Amino acid sequence: MSLARDERLARHIGFWWGFAEGFVFFIVPDVYISFATLFSLRAGSIAWLSSIAGSAVAIPVIYALMVTLGVDYVAFLPSLPGISRGLLAQVGASMASDGLPYTPLLVLGGVPLKVYAGLGFSLGLSLGSVLLWTVFARIVRIAPTFIVVAGLRLVLGRWIDARATLCGVVLVLFWIAFYVFYFVHMSRV
C-alpha cells in the first residue's frame, strides 16, 4: 500500500477530488482520505487539507458560472446522483430563513457542498461568505472520518500493515455499503 503513503499523490488526489466533489462529482473526498489515513497519518492529513483547498477552488468556479456567465447551476444539480428537486427546495427554504448552516451537525445531513454553494449564490450570498463556509463545512464534515480512521491507525497500525490488502478491501466494502445506503436514503428526500 505504498500508494496510500505517497504524500505527493495524496496532495494531488486530495485537491482534485475535493475540487471535483465541490463542483460536480458525487463521491466525497472522505473515501480517498480514509484510504490514505489508514496507511499513513501524514498522507491522510495532506489529502484532507488538499481536499479543502480543492473545494475552496470549486466555489469561485461555481460563482463565475452563476454570477458572471448566468449559468443556472441550481437547475443542473438534480441531474447528479443524490440531489433531488425536493432536497433543493428543502435546503433552499432553510437557507432563505437561516442562511448557511454553521453547525457540527452538517456531518449528519448528507447535503452536498455544491447544493449550499449553488443555492447560496442564487440567494445573493457573497463569494467570501460561501468560501468561508466551505472551509468550515469541509473541516466539520470530514473530521469524523479522519478521526475514526486515524484512531484505528494509531491503535492497530502494525496489524493494518500486516494485513494491508484485507484492510483495503474492508474499507472499499464499507464505502460501497455507505453509498448504497446514502443513495437510497437521498432518493427519498
Protein backbone atom coordinates (compact mmCIF):
# COMPACT_ATOMS: atom_id res chain seq x y z
CA MET A 1 0.00 0.00 0.00
CA SER A 2 2.85 2.34 -0.81
CA LEU A 3 0.47 4.39 -3.00
CA ALA A 4 -1.58 5.21 0.11
CA ARG A 5 1.55 6.52 1.84
CA ASP A 6 2.66 8.70 -1.09
CA GLU A 7 2.32 12.29 0.17
CA ARG A 8 2.70 13.87 -3.26
CA LEU A 9 -0.07 11.65 -4.60
CA ALA A 10 -2.19 12.45 -1.52
CA ARG A 11 -1.82 16.17 -2.23
CA HIS A 12 -2.89 15.79 -5.87
CA ILE A 13 -5.72 13.31 -5.34
CA GLY A 14 -6.99 15.23 -2.30
CA PHE A 15 -7.04 18.52 -4.21
CA TRP A 16 -8.64 17.25 -7.41
CA TRP A 17 -11.15 15.06 -5.59
CA GLY A 18 -12.11 18.00 -3.36
CA PHE A 19 -12.48 20.22 -6.41
CA ALA A 20 -14.48 17.67 -8.38
CA GLU A 21 -16.83 16.85 -5.49
CA GLY A 22 -17.25 20.53 -4.64
CA PHE A 23 -18.31 21.19 -8.24
CA VAL A 24 -19.97 18.14 -9.89
CA PHE A 25 -18.69 14.80 -8.56
CA PHE A 26 -20.95 12.86 -6.16
CA ILE A 27 -18.49 10.79 -4.09
CA VAL A 28 -16.95 12.63 -1.13
CA PRO A 29 -13.16 13.00 -0.66
CA ASP A 30 -13.52 11.02 2.58
CA VAL A 31 -13.17 7.86 0.50
CA TYR A 32 -9.59 8.62 -0.50
CA ILE A 33 -8.77 10.42 2.76
CA SER A 34 -9.77 7.34 4.75
CA PHE A 35 -7.65 5.12 2.50
CA ALA A 36 -4.58 7.36 2.84
CA THR A 37 -5.08 7.78 6.60
CA LEU A 38 -5.45 4.04 7.16
CA PHE A 39 -1.88 3.56 5.98
CA SER A 40 -0.27 6.93 6.83
CA LEU A 41 -1.49 9.66 9.17
CA ARG A 42 0.65 12.20 7.36
CA ALA A 43 -0.61 11.28 3.88
CA GLY A 44 -4.18 11.31 5.21
CA SER A 45 -3.69 14.76 6.72
CA ILE A 46 -2.22 16.07 3.48
CA ALA A 47 -5.12 14.59 1.49
CA TRP A 48 -7.65 16.22 3.85
CA LEU A 49 -6.03 19.65 3.71
CA SER A 50 -5.65 19.38 -0.06
CA SER A 51 -9.31 18.42 -0.42
CA ILE A 52 -10.28 21.56 1.49
CA ALA A 53 -8.16 23.62 -0.92
CA GLY A 54 -9.76 21.87 -3.91
CA SER A 55 -13.25 22.51 -2.56
CA ALA A 56 -12.35 26.15 -1.97
CA VAL A 57 -11.25 26.47 -5.62
CA ALA A 58 -14.55 24.93 -6.81
CA ILE A 59 -16.57 27.71 -5.14
CA PRO A 60 -15.27 30.60 -7.30
CA VAL A 61 -15.85 28.41 -10.38
CA ILE A 62 -19.50 27.94 -9.38
CA TYR A 63 -19.72 31.67 -8.61
CA ALA A 64 -18.25 32.60 -12.00
CA LEU A 65 -20.66 30.27 -13.80
CA MET A 66 -23.69 31.59 -11.97
CA VAL A 67 -22.98 35.26 -11.39
CA THR A 68 -20.65 36.17 -14.23
CA LEU A 69 -21.89 33.87 -17.00
CA GLY A 70 -25.52 33.49 -15.89
CA VAL A 71 -25.50 29.67 -15.91
CA ASP A 72 -28.41 28.13 -13.98
CA TYR A 73 -26.20 25.80 -11.92
CA VAL A 74 -29.00 25.06 -9.45
CA ALA A 75 -31.17 23.68 -12.28
CA PHE A 76 -28.28 21.37 -13.22
CA LEU A 77 -27.87 19.92 -9.70
CA PRO A 78 -30.81 17.44 -9.79
CA SER A 79 -29.09 15.64 -12.66
CA LEU A 80 -26.44 14.49 -10.16
CA PRO A 81 -26.94 11.36 -8.03
CA GLY A 82 -28.20 12.09 -4.52
CA ILE A 83 -29.62 15.54 -5.36
CA SER A 84 -33.35 15.91 -5.95
CA ARG A 85 -35.61 18.88 -6.56
CA GLY A 86 -37.15 18.14 -3.16
CA LEU A 87 -33.75 18.39 -1.49
CA LEU A 88 -33.08 21.70 -3.26
CA ALA A 89 -36.47 23.06 -2.14
CA GLN A 90 -35.92 21.91 1.45
CA VAL A 91 -32.37 23.29 1.72
CA GLY A 92 -33.31 26.46 -0.17
CA ALA A 93 -36.17 27.22 2.26
CA SER A 94 -33.87 26.61 5.22
CA MET A 95 -31.15 28.84 3.79
CA ALA A 96 -33.64 31.61 2.91
CA SER A 97 -34.63 31.84 6.56
CA ASP A 98 -31.41 30.86 8.37
CA GLY A 99 -28.53 31.34 5.91
CA LEU A 100 -25.64 28.90 5.69
CA PRO A 101 -25.66 26.28 8.47
CA TYR A 102 -22.71 26.79 10.80
CA THR A 103 -23.24 23.64 12.83
CA PRO A 104 -21.29 20.45 13.51
CA LEU A 105 -24.49 18.57 12.59
CA LEU A 106 -23.58 19.05 8.91
CA VAL A 107 -21.98 15.64 9.17
CA LEU A 108 -25.43 14.07 9.60
CA GLY A 109 -27.29 15.95 6.86
CA GLY A 110 -25.82 14.36 3.75
CA VAL A 111 -26.39 17.52 1.71
CA PRO A 112 -23.56 18.00 -0.81
CA LEU A 113 -21.48 21.18 -0.53
CA LYS A 114 -22.34 22.18 -4.09
CA VAL A 115 -26.03 22.42 -3.12
CA TYR A 116 -25.27 25.02 -0.45
CA ALA A 117 -22.93 26.90 -2.80
CA GLY A 118 -25.37 26.99 -5.71
CA LEU A 119 -28.34 27.92 -3.54
CA GLY A 120 -26.26 30.46 -1.62
CA PHE A 121 -25.27 32.28 -4.79
CA SER A 122 -28.85 32.13 -6.11
CA LEU A 123 -29.97 33.76 -2.83
CA GLY A 124 -27.41 36.54 -3.30
CA LEU A 125 -24.79 35.44 -0.78
CA SER A 126 -21.30 36.77 -1.40
CA LEU A 127 -18.39 34.75 -2.71
CA GLY A 128 -16.49 35.42 0.52
CA SER A 129 -19.25 34.14 2.80
CA VAL A 130 -19.75 30.94 0.77
CA LEU A 131 -15.99 30.41 0.58
CA LEU A 132 -15.57 30.83 4.35
CA TRP A 133 -18.48 28.47 4.98
CA THR A 134 -16.96 25.91 2.57
CA VAL A 135 -13.74 25.72 4.58
CA PHE A 136 -15.76 25.36 7.81
CA ALA A 137 -18.01 22.69 6.27
CA ARG A 138 -15.09 20.64 4.93
CA ILE A 139 -13.37 20.64 8.30
CA VAL A 140 -16.53 19.69 10.20
CA ARG A 141 -17.76 17.14 7.68
CA ILE A 142 -14.52 15.25 7.12
CA ALA A 143 -13.25 15.37 10.72
CA PRO A 144 -15.24 12.34 11.95
CA THR A 145 -13.93 10.15 9.11
CA PHE A 146 -10.38 11.28 9.68
CA ILE A 147 -10.57 10.90 13.48
CA VAL A 148 -12.01 7.36 13.33
CA VAL A 149 -9.52 6.11 10.74
CA ALA A 150 -6.58 7.90 12.40
CA GLY A 151 -7.58 6.27 15.69
CA LEU A 152 -7.58 2.87 14.02
CA ARG A 153 -4.17 3.64 12.50
CA LEU A 154 -2.73 4.69 15.87
CA VAL A 155 -4.08 1.68 17.75
CA LEU A 156 -3.81 -1.04 15.10
CA GLY A 157 -1.06 0.27 12.80
CA ARG A 158 1.09 -2.86 12.80
CA TRP A 159 -1.92 -5.12 12.42
CA ILE A 160 -3.17 -2.99 9.49
CA ASP A 161 0.25 -3.04 7.81
CA ALA A 162 0.46 -6.84 8.16
CA ARG A 163 -2.97 -7.20 6.55
CA ALA A 164 -2.90 -4.27 4.13
CA THR A 165 -4.87 -5.96 1.34
CA LEU A 166 -7.57 -7.21 3.71
CA CYS A 167 -7.88 -3.77 5.32
CA GLY A 168 -8.08 -2.11 1.91
CA VAL A 169 -10.83 -4.50 0.81
CA VAL A 170 -12.78 -3.93 4.05
CA LEU A 171 -12.53 -0.17 3.53
CA VAL A 172 -13.78 -0.47 -0.07
CA LEU A 173 -16.70 -2.65 1.09
CA PHE A 174 -17.51 -0.12 3.81
CA TRP A 175 -17.69 2.74 1.28
CA ILE A 176 -19.80 0.68 -1.13
CA ALA A 177 -22.28 -0.12 1.67
CA PHE A 178 -22.23 3.52 2.80
CA TYR A 179 -23.07 4.81 -0.68
CA VAL A 180 -25.79 2.22 -1.29
CA PHE A 181 -27.45 3.38 1.94
CA TYR A 182 -26.80 7.07 1.15
CA PHE A 183 -28.25 7.00 -2.36
CA VAL A 184 -31.28 5.00 -1.24
CA HIS A 185 -31.86 7.49 1.61
CA MET A 186 -31.31 10.58 -0.56
CA SER A 187 -33.67 9.26 -3.23
CA ARG A 188 -36.45 9.60 -0.66
CA VAL A 189 -35.77 13.29 0.08
